[in-house]
Amino acid sequence: MAKLQTDNNAERALGPIVSSAHLAAGAMPSLSELEFGLILLGHAFERWMVRCMAAAGVPDLSPLDVLVAHTIAHRSKPKRLADICLVLSIEDTHLVTYSVKKLDALGLIVSGRSGNEKTVTLNKKGEGVIRAYTRLREQLLVVPVKSAGSDERRLSEVAALMRAMSGHYDQAARAAASL
């Protein structure tokens, strides 16, 4: 705890840790700190997903391919393309379509129909890959995070803040698009 306190004191003395000082010079430097943290976290998370999926037996997937696979696996129910796009907040459906085609070509999913709409679900091979990914995640990520003393309640609070902030960024994007 003393080390963390020392690190926080050093950060205060240096100013906010940001990637763009010109943005941090505005009315809310903490937002620039958050954005820099998101940049670093986002890239680290993408590297993690791709490498964990490769270790689970499926190399050469993009981060979006991995996210689409996990979304298809969610609750073991068939998913429509629109469902996947909505959950992942993706406007460009062709990106998800390409990921679905890639997962299909790898033999991880099967297509079905719900009325007029195509649905996708994992097949046995896809389920096995997701189970392997989940086991690796527990061993390589969850155990070390827990061992580091991470507070699960605080992580949930941060996640809720991130979801709320996504709404602010979406609203700002809509406003910027109308300029």
Protein backbone atom coordinates (compact mmCIF):
# COMPACT_ATOMS: atom_id res chain seq x y z
CA MET A 1 0.00 0.00 0.00
CA ALA A 2 2.89 2.37 0.77
CA LYS A 3 4.29 1.84 -2.75
CA LEU A 4 0.91 2.71 -4.27
CA GLN A 5 0.78 5.87 -2.16
CA THR A 6 4.30 6.83 -3.31
CA ASP A 7 3.34 6.21 -6.95
CA ASN A 8 0.23 8.38 -6.55
CA ASN A 9 2.31 11.18 -4.99
CA ALA A 10 4.80 11.01 -7.87
CA GLU A 11 1.98 11.19 -10.43
CA ARG A 12 0.50 14.25 -8.71
CA ALA A 13 3.90 15.95 -8.76
CA LEU A 14 4.34 15.23 -12.48
CA GLY A 15 0.77 16.07 -13.42
CA PRO A 16 -1.74 13.79 -15.07
CA ILE A 17 -0.44 10.82 -17.07
CA VAL A 18 -1.87 11.45 -20.54
CA SER A 19 -1.03 10.90 -24.20
CA SER A 20 -2.16 14.34 -25.34
CA ALA A 21 -1.21 17.21 -23.04
CA HIS A 22 -3.17 19.65 -25.22
CA LEU A 23 -6.37 17.76 -24.36
CA ALA A 24 -5.49 17.51 -20.67
CA ALA A 25 -5.00 21.29 -20.57
CA GLY A 26 -8.78 21.72 -20.85
CA ALA A 27 -11.43 21.82 -18.16
CA MET A 28 -11.23 18.12 -17.23
CA PRO A 29 -7.70 16.65 -17.20
CA SER A 30 -8.98 13.50 -15.50
CA LEU A 31 -10.94 12.67 -18.66
CA SER A 32 -7.65 12.72 -20.60
CA GLU A 33 -6.16 10.40 -17.98
CA LEU A 34 -9.10 8.04 -18.45
CA GLU A 35 -8.70 8.16 -22.22
CA PHE A 36 -5.00 7.32 -22.03
CA GLY A 37 -5.82 4.46 -19.66
CA LEU A 38 -8.43 3.22 -22.13
CA ILE A 39 -5.92 3.34 -24.96
CA LEU A 40 -3.40 1.26 -23.01
CA LEU A 41 -6.03 -1.10 -21.61
CA GLY A 42 -7.70 -1.53 -24.99
CA HIS A 43 -4.48 -2.51 -26.74
CA ALA A 44 -3.43 -4.82 -23.90
CA PHE A 45 -6.88 -6.43 -23.87
CA GLU A 46 -6.78 -7.00 -27.64
CA ARG A 47 -3.30 -8.57 -27.41
CA TRP A 48 -4.53 -10.77 -24.58
CA MET A 49 -7.62 -12.00 -26.45
CA VAL A 50 -5.70 -12.84 -29.61
CA ARG A 51 -2.89 -14.64 -27.78
CA CYS A 52 -5.23 -16.51 -25.46
CA MET A 53 -7.30 -17.68 -28.43
CA ALA A 54 -4.10 -18.80 -30.20
CA ALA A 55 -3.11 -20.73 -27.06
CA ALA A 56 -6.61 -22.26 -27.06
CA GLY A 57 -5.89 -23.63 -30.53
CA VAL A 58 -7.18 -20.98 -32.92
CA PRO A 59 -4.42 -18.65 -34.14
CA ASP A 60 -4.78 -15.82 -36.63
CA LEU A 61 -8.00 -14.34 -35.30
CA SER A 62 -8.44 -10.59 -34.91
CA PRO A 63 -9.64 -9.13 -31.61
CA LEU A 64 -13.06 -8.61 -33.19
CA ASP A 65 -13.19 -12.26 -34.29
CA VAL A 66 -12.55 -13.32 -30.68
CA LEU A 67 -15.23 -10.95 -29.37
CA VAL A 68 -17.72 -12.26 -31.92
CA ALA A 69 -16.92 -15.86 -30.91
CA HIS A 70 -17.52 -15.04 -27.23
CA THR A 71 -20.74 -13.20 -28.06
CA ILE A 72 -21.99 -16.21 -30.03
CA ALA A 73 -21.10 -18.42 -27.05
CA HIS A 74 -22.97 -16.17 -24.58
CA ARG A 75 -25.81 -18.08 -22.93
CA SER A 76 -25.59 -20.83 -25.57
CA LYS A 77 -28.42 -19.33 -27.62
CA PRO A 78 -28.44 -18.73 -31.39
CA LYS A 79 -27.51 -15.15 -32.28
CA ARG A 80 -28.60 -12.98 -35.19
CA LEU A 81 -26.08 -10.66 -36.81
CA ALA A 82 -28.07 -7.71 -35.45
CA ASP A 83 -27.82 -9.15 -31.90
CA ILE A 84 -24.04 -9.44 -32.15
CA CYS A 85 -23.69 -5.91 -33.51
CA LEU A 86 -25.95 -4.51 -30.78
CA VAL A 87 -24.15 -6.25 -27.92
CA LEU A 88 -20.72 -5.19 -29.20
CA SER A 89 -21.95 -1.69 -30.18
CA ILE A 90 -20.75 -2.09 -33.76
CA GLU A 91 -22.36 0.03 -36.48
CA ASP A 92 -20.49 -1.49 -39.43
CA THR A 93 -22.28 -4.82 -39.82
CA HIS A 94 -19.89 -5.90 -42.57
CA LEU A 95 -17.13 -6.18 -39.92
CA VAL A 96 -19.18 -8.67 -37.91
CA THR A 97 -20.27 -10.46 -41.10
CA TYR A 98 -16.61 -10.97 -42.00
CA SER A 99 -15.84 -12.33 -38.52
CA VAL A 100 -18.79 -14.72 -38.71
CA LYS A 101 -17.58 -15.96 -42.11
CA LYS A 102 -14.09 -16.45 -40.71
CA LEU A 103 -15.40 -18.44 -37.72
CA ASP A 104 -17.54 -20.51 -40.09
CA ALA A 105 -14.54 -21.23 -42.35
CA LEU A 106 -12.64 -22.43 -39.27
CA GLY A 107 -15.48 -24.84 -38.50
CA LEU A 108 -16.41 -23.25 -35.15
CA ILE A 109 -20.03 -22.28 -35.80
CA VAL A 110 -23.16 -23.50 -37.53
CA SER A 111 -25.82 -21.39 -39.18
CA GLY A 112 -29.52 -21.66 -38.63
CA ARG A 113 -32.64 -19.63 -39.19
CA SER A 114 -35.09 -17.76 -37.03
CA GLY A 115 -37.89 -16.74 -39.34
CA ASN A 116 -36.26 -14.88 -42.21
CA GLU A 117 -33.05 -14.17 -40.33
CA LYS A 118 -29.84 -16.15 -40.27
CA THR A 119 -28.61 -17.17 -36.84
CA VAL A 120 -25.29 -18.57 -35.70
CA THR A 121 -24.34 -20.79 -32.81
CA LEU A 122 -21.21 -22.60 -31.75
CA ASN A 123 -20.77 -26.21 -32.78
CA LYS A 124 -18.94 -28.80 -30.63
CA LYS A 125 -15.52 -27.68 -31.89
CA GLY A 126 -16.36 -24.03 -31.17
CA GLU A 127 -17.61 -24.91 -27.69
CA GLY A 128 -14.34 -26.76 -27.02
CA VAL A 129 -12.30 -23.75 -28.09
CA ILE A 130 -14.31 -21.44 -25.83
CA ARG A 131 -13.88 -23.88 -22.91
CA ALA A 132 -10.11 -23.94 -23.53
CA TYR A 133 -10.01 -20.13 -23.68
CA THR A 134 -12.00 -19.95 -20.43
CA ARG A 135 -9.60 -22.35 -18.66
CA LEU A 136 -6.58 -20.37 -19.85
CA ARG A 137 -8.22 -17.11 -18.77
CA GLU A 138 -8.78 -18.49 -15.28
CA GLN A 139 -5.16 -19.67 -14.98
CA LEU A 140 -3.34 -16.81 -16.69
CA LEU A 141 -5.48 -13.79 -15.87
CA VAL A 142 -8.02 -14.38 -13.11
CA VAL A 143 -5.65 -16.06 -10.65
CA PRO A 144 -2.96 -13.34 -10.91
CA VAL A 145 -5.53 -10.52 -10.73
CA LYS A 146 -7.07 -12.07 -7.60
CA SER A 147 -3.62 -12.73 -6.11
CA ALA A 148 -2.75 -9.06 -6.61
CA GLY A 149 -5.58 -8.25 -4.20
CA SER A 150 -8.00 -6.76 -6.71
CA ASP A 151 -11.27 -5.72 -5.12
CA GLU A 152 -14.09 -7.35 -7.11
CA ARG A 153 -16.62 -4.74 -5.97
CA ARG A 154 -14.34 -1.95 -7.17
CA LEU A 155 -13.82 -3.71 -10.51
CA SER A 156 -17.61 -3.87 -10.91
CA GLU A 157 -17.87 -0.16 -10.11
CA VAL A 158 -15.21 0.65 -12.71
CA ALA A 159 -17.06 -1.50 -15.26
CA ALA A 160 -20.31 0.37 -14.53
CA LEU A 161 -18.50 3.70 -14.95
CA MET A 162 -17.04 2.52 -18.27
CA ARG A 163 -20.49 1.54 -19.56
CA ALA A 164 -21.89 4.91 -18.48
CA MET A 165 -18.99 6.73 -20.15
CA SER A 166 -19.68 4.82 -23.37
CA GLY A 167 -23.08 6.53 -23.44
CA HIS A 168 -21.44 9.96 -23.11
CA TYR A 169 -19.01 9.17 -25.92
CA ASP A 170 -21.86 7.87 -28.12
CA GLN A 171 -23.87 11.05 -27.51
CA ALA A 172 -20.82 13.23 -28.23
CA ALA A 173 -20.19 11.24 -31.44
CA ARG A 174 -23.78 11.84 -32.58
CA ALA A 175 -23.41 15.55 -31.84
CA ALA A 176 -20.09 15.72 -33.71
CA ALA A 177 -21.61 13.90 -36.71
CA SER A 178 -24.31 16.56 -36.96
CA LEU A 179 -21.84 19.47 -37.13
